[in-house]
Amino acid sequence: MIRVNGPEHYAAAQEYLAAAKADGVQPGDAAEVSNLAIAQVHATLALAAATAMAGSVVTAHGAVKTALPAVDGKAWQAVAGVAPGKQG
């Protein structure tokens, strides 16, 4: 099994959406339909992971504390453009 974190799901959703709308892909083509379906799955999983970030807190010193494992918290901070801080 390949593990993918929330930001990676978000990036994958964008890539599959772009592939679905690439030049030469006609509406209703198998390539469009399958890429849109895969993009939707990745977007849903990214949303689930982002929802987990809802419990994040920025301290008075600007550190971001999350209830997530440190690697996921740091990945979300990078995608969201938040300065990395201590993980909760």
N, C-alpha and C. Protein backbone atom coordinates (compact mmCIF):
# COMPACT_ATOMS: atom_id res chain seq x y z
N MET A 1 0.83 -1.17 0.00
CA MET A 1 0.00 0.00 0.00
C MET A 1 0.89 1.25 0.00
N ILE A 2 0.54 2.21 -0.82
CA ILE A 2 1.26 3.47 -0.87
C ILE A 2 0.54 4.47 0.02
N ARG A 3 1.27 5.10 0.94
CA ARG A 3 0.68 6.11 1.81
C ARG A 3 0.83 7.47 1.16
N VAL A 4 -0.25 8.22 1.15
CA VAL A 4 -0.26 9.57 0.58
C VAL A 4 -0.84 10.50 1.63
N ASN A 5 -0.16 11.61 1.90
CA ASN A 5 -0.71 12.55 2.88
C ASN A 5 -1.66 13.53 2.20
N GLY A 6 -2.30 14.38 2.99
CA GLY A 6 -3.29 15.31 2.47
C GLY A 6 -2.79 16.23 1.37
N PRO A 7 -1.65 16.89 1.58
CA PRO A 7 -1.15 17.77 0.53
C PRO A 7 -0.83 17.02 -0.77
N GLU A 8 -0.38 15.79 -0.65
CA GLU A 8 -0.11 14.99 -1.86
C GLU A 8 -1.41 14.63 -2.57
N HIS A 9 -2.48 14.37 -1.80
CA HIS A 9 -3.79 14.14 -2.42
C HIS A 9 -4.25 15.39 -3.17
N TYR A 10 -4.06 16.55 -2.55
CA TYR A 10 -4.46 17.81 -3.17
C TYR A 10 -3.72 18.02 -4.50
N ALA A 11 -2.40 17.81 -4.46
CA ALA A 11 -1.60 17.97 -5.67
C ALA A 11 -2.02 16.97 -6.75
N ALA A 12 -2.30 15.73 -6.35
CA ALA A 12 -2.73 14.71 -7.31
C ALA A 12 -4.07 15.10 -7.93
N ALA A 13 -4.98 15.63 -7.12
CA ALA A 13 -6.28 16.05 -7.65
C ALA A 13 -6.09 17.12 -8.73
N GLN A 14 -5.20 18.07 -8.48
CA GLN A 14 -4.93 19.11 -9.47
C GLN A 14 -4.35 18.53 -10.76
N GLU A 15 -3.44 17.57 -10.61
CA GLU A 15 -2.82 16.96 -11.79
C GLU A 15 -3.85 16.19 -12.62
N TYR A 16 -4.70 15.40 -11.96
CA TYR A 16 -5.71 14.64 -12.70
C TYR A 16 -6.75 15.56 -13.32
N LEU A 17 -7.08 16.66 -12.66
CA LEU A 17 -8.02 17.60 -13.24
C LEU A 17 -7.43 18.24 -14.49
N ALA A 18 -6.16 18.60 -14.42
CA ALA A 18 -5.48 19.17 -15.59
C ALA A 18 -5.44 18.16 -16.73
N ALA A 19 -5.19 16.90 -16.42
CA ALA A 19 -5.15 15.85 -17.45
C ALA A 19 -6.52 15.68 -18.09
N ALA A 20 -7.57 15.84 -17.30
CA ALA A 20 -8.93 15.68 -17.83
C ALA A 20 -9.27 16.81 -18.79
N LYS A 21 -8.66 17.96 -18.60
CA LYS A 21 -8.95 19.13 -19.42
C LYS A 21 -7.84 19.45 -20.42
N ALA A 22 -6.92 18.51 -20.62
CA ALA A 22 -5.79 18.73 -21.53
C ALA A 22 -6.27 18.87 -22.97
N ASP A 23 -5.43 19.52 -23.75
CA ASP A 23 -5.73 19.66 -25.18
C ASP A 23 -5.92 18.29 -25.81
N GLY A 24 -6.91 18.17 -26.65
CA GLY A 24 -7.16 16.91 -27.34
C GLY A 24 -8.12 15.98 -26.60
N VAL A 25 -8.40 16.27 -25.35
CA VAL A 25 -9.34 15.44 -24.60
C VAL A 25 -10.73 16.04 -24.80
N GLN A 26 -11.60 15.25 -25.37
CA GLN A 26 -12.96 15.71 -25.67
C GLN A 26 -13.89 15.42 -24.50
N PRO A 27 -14.89 16.30 -24.28
CA PRO A 27 -15.87 16.03 -23.22
C PRO A 27 -16.52 14.66 -23.42
N GLY A 28 -16.56 13.88 -22.36
CA GLY A 28 -17.17 12.56 -22.42
C GLY A 28 -16.21 11.44 -22.80
N ASP A 29 -15.00 11.80 -23.26
CA ASP A 29 -14.00 10.78 -23.57
C ASP A 29 -13.66 9.98 -22.31
N ALA A 30 -13.24 8.75 -22.49
CA ALA A 30 -12.86 7.91 -21.36
C ALA A 30 -11.76 8.56 -20.53
N ALA A 31 -10.81 9.23 -21.20
CA ALA A 31 -9.72 9.89 -20.49
C ALA A 31 -10.26 11.00 -19.59
N GLU A 32 -11.21 11.77 -20.08
CA GLU A 32 -11.78 12.83 -19.27
C GLU A 32 -12.53 12.26 -18.07
N VAL A 33 -13.39 11.28 -18.34
CA VAL A 33 -14.23 10.71 -17.28
C VAL A 33 -13.39 10.06 -16.19
N SER A 34 -12.41 9.26 -16.59
CA SER A 34 -11.60 8.57 -15.57
C SER A 34 -10.72 9.55 -14.80
N ASN A 35 -10.13 10.52 -15.48
CA ASN A 35 -9.30 11.50 -14.78
C ASN A 35 -10.13 12.37 -13.83
N LEU A 36 -11.35 12.72 -14.23
CA LEU A 36 -12.22 13.48 -13.33
C LEU A 36 -12.59 12.66 -12.11
N ALA A 37 -12.86 11.38 -12.29
CA ALA A 37 -13.23 10.52 -11.16
C ALA A 37 -12.06 10.38 -10.18
N ILE A 38 -10.87 10.18 -10.72
CA ILE A 38 -9.68 10.04 -9.87
C ILE A 38 -9.40 11.36 -9.15
N ALA A 39 -9.56 12.48 -9.86
CA ALA A 39 -9.36 13.80 -9.24
C ALA A 39 -10.33 14.00 -8.09
N GLN A 40 -11.57 13.57 -8.27
CA GLN A 40 -12.57 13.73 -7.22
C GLN A 40 -12.21 12.93 -5.97
N VAL A 41 -11.73 11.72 -6.17
CA VAL A 41 -11.33 10.89 -5.03
C VAL A 41 -10.18 11.56 -4.26
N HIS A 42 -9.16 12.02 -5.00
CA HIS A 42 -8.03 12.67 -4.34
C HIS A 42 -8.47 13.96 -3.64
N ALA A 43 -9.36 14.73 -4.27
CA ALA A 43 -9.84 15.96 -3.65
C ALA A 43 -10.62 15.67 -2.36
N THR A 44 -11.41 14.62 -2.36
CA THR A 44 -12.17 14.24 -1.16
C THR A 44 -11.23 13.84 -0.04
N LEU A 45 -10.19 13.07 -0.36
CA LEU A 45 -9.23 12.67 0.66
C LEU A 45 -8.42 13.86 1.17
N ALA A 46 -8.11 14.81 0.29
CA ALA A 46 -7.42 16.02 0.72
C ALA A 46 -8.30 16.83 1.66
N LEU A 47 -9.58 16.90 1.36
CA LEU A 47 -10.52 17.62 2.22
C LEU A 47 -10.60 16.97 3.60
N ALA A 48 -10.62 15.66 3.63
CA ALA A 48 -10.65 14.95 4.91
C ALA A 48 -9.41 15.28 5.73
N ALA A 49 -8.27 15.31 5.08
CA ALA A 49 -7.03 15.63 5.80
C ALA A 49 -7.02 17.09 6.24
N ALA A 50 -7.51 17.98 5.39
CA ALA A 50 -7.55 19.39 5.77
C ALA A 50 -8.49 19.63 6.94
N THR A 51 -9.56 18.87 6.98
CA THR A 51 -10.49 18.98 8.09
C THR A 51 -9.80 18.63 9.40
N ALA A 52 -8.88 17.70 9.33
CA ALA A 52 -8.12 17.32 10.52
C ALA A 52 -7.28 18.49 11.02
N MET A 53 -6.91 19.40 10.13
CA MET A 53 -6.13 20.57 10.50
C MET A 53 -6.97 21.62 11.21
N ALA A 54 -8.28 21.45 11.22
CA ALA A 54 -9.15 22.45 11.83
C ALA A 54 -8.82 22.67 13.31
N GLY A 55 -8.20 21.69 13.95
CA GLY A 55 -7.83 21.82 15.34
C GLY A 55 -6.50 22.50 15.56
N SER A 56 -5.88 23.00 14.50
CA SER A 56 -4.58 23.66 14.64
C SER A 56 -4.70 24.97 15.39
N VAL A 57 -3.66 25.30 16.14
CA VAL A 57 -3.65 26.53 16.93
C VAL A 57 -2.34 27.26 16.67
N VAL A 58 -2.43 28.57 16.48
CA VAL A 58 -1.23 29.40 16.37
C VAL A 58 -1.00 30.03 17.73
N THR A 59 0.16 29.77 18.30
CA THR A 59 0.47 30.30 19.63
C THR A 59 0.82 31.78 19.56
N ALA A 60 0.95 32.40 20.71
CA ALA A 60 1.32 33.82 20.79
C ALA A 60 2.68 34.08 20.16
N HIS A 61 3.52 33.06 20.10
CA HIS A 61 4.86 33.20 19.51
C HIS A 61 4.87 32.85 18.02
N GLY A 62 3.70 32.55 17.45
CA GLY A 62 3.60 32.25 16.04
C GLY A 62 3.82 30.80 15.66
N ALA A 63 4.02 29.94 16.64
CA ALA A 63 4.20 28.51 16.36
C ALA A 63 2.84 27.89 16.06
N VAL A 64 2.81 26.96 15.13
CA VAL A 64 1.57 26.27 14.79
C VAL A 64 1.61 24.89 15.45
N LYS A 65 0.63 24.64 16.31
CA LYS A 65 0.53 23.34 16.97
C LYS A 65 -0.66 22.60 16.36
N THR A 66 -0.43 21.36 16.01
CA THR A 66 -1.49 20.55 15.43
C THR A 66 -1.66 19.26 16.23
N ALA A 67 -2.81 18.63 16.04
CA ALA A 67 -3.05 17.34 16.66
C ALA A 67 -2.58 16.21 15.75
N LEU A 68 -2.04 16.56 14.60
CA LEU A 68 -1.58 15.58 13.61
C LEU A 68 -0.16 15.14 13.90
N PRO A 69 0.25 14.00 13.32
CA PRO A 69 1.66 13.63 13.39
C PRO A 69 2.51 14.75 12.79
N ALA A 70 3.70 14.94 13.29
CA ALA A 70 4.56 16.05 12.86
C ALA A 70 4.74 16.13 11.35
N VAL A 71 4.94 15.00 10.69
CA VAL A 71 5.18 15.03 9.24
C VAL A 71 3.96 15.57 8.49
N ASP A 72 2.76 15.19 8.91
CA ASP A 72 1.55 15.68 8.25
C ASP A 72 1.33 17.16 8.56
N GLY A 73 1.55 17.53 9.81
CA GLY A 73 1.39 18.94 10.19
C GLY A 73 2.32 19.84 9.39
N LYS A 74 3.57 19.43 9.26
CA LYS A 74 4.54 20.22 8.49
C LYS A 74 4.16 20.28 7.01
N ALA A 75 3.68 19.18 6.46
CA ALA A 75 3.27 19.16 5.05
C ALA A 75 2.11 20.13 4.82
N TRP A 76 1.13 20.12 5.72
CA TRP A 76 -0.01 21.04 5.57
C TRP A 76 0.42 22.48 5.76
N GLN A 77 1.33 22.72 6.69
CA GLN A 77 1.82 24.08 6.88
C GLN A 77 2.49 24.59 5.61
N ALA A 78 3.27 23.73 4.96
CA ALA A 78 3.95 24.12 3.72
C ALA A 78 2.95 24.44 2.61
N VAL A 79 1.95 23.61 2.44
CA VAL A 79 0.94 23.82 1.40
C VAL A 79 0.11 25.06 1.69
N ALA A 80 -0.20 25.29 2.96
CA ALA A 80 -1.03 26.43 3.34
C ALA A 80 -0.24 27.73 3.43
N GLY A 81 1.07 27.65 3.32
CA GLY A 81 1.90 28.83 3.41
C GLY A 81 2.05 29.35 4.83
N VAL A 82 1.96 28.45 5.80
CA VAL A 82 2.09 28.79 7.21
C VAL A 82 3.50 28.49 7.66
N ALA A 83 4.09 29.41 8.40
CA ALA A 83 5.45 29.17 8.91
C ALA A 83 5.45 27.97 9.83
N PRO A 84 6.38 27.04 9.63
CA PRO A 84 6.44 25.86 10.50
C PRO A 84 6.69 26.26 11.95
N GLY A 85 6.11 25.48 12.83
CA GLY A 85 6.30 25.71 14.25
C GLY A 85 6.32 24.40 14.99
N LYS A 86 6.16 24.48 16.28
CA LYS A 86 6.14 23.27 17.08
C LYS A 86 4.88 22.47 16.79
N GLN A 87 5.03 21.17 16.76
CA GLN A 87 3.89 20.29 16.53
C GLN A 87 3.30 19.86 17.87
N GLY A 88 1.98 19.78 17.92
CA GLY A 88 1.33 19.37 19.17
C GLY A 88 1.21 17.89 19.28
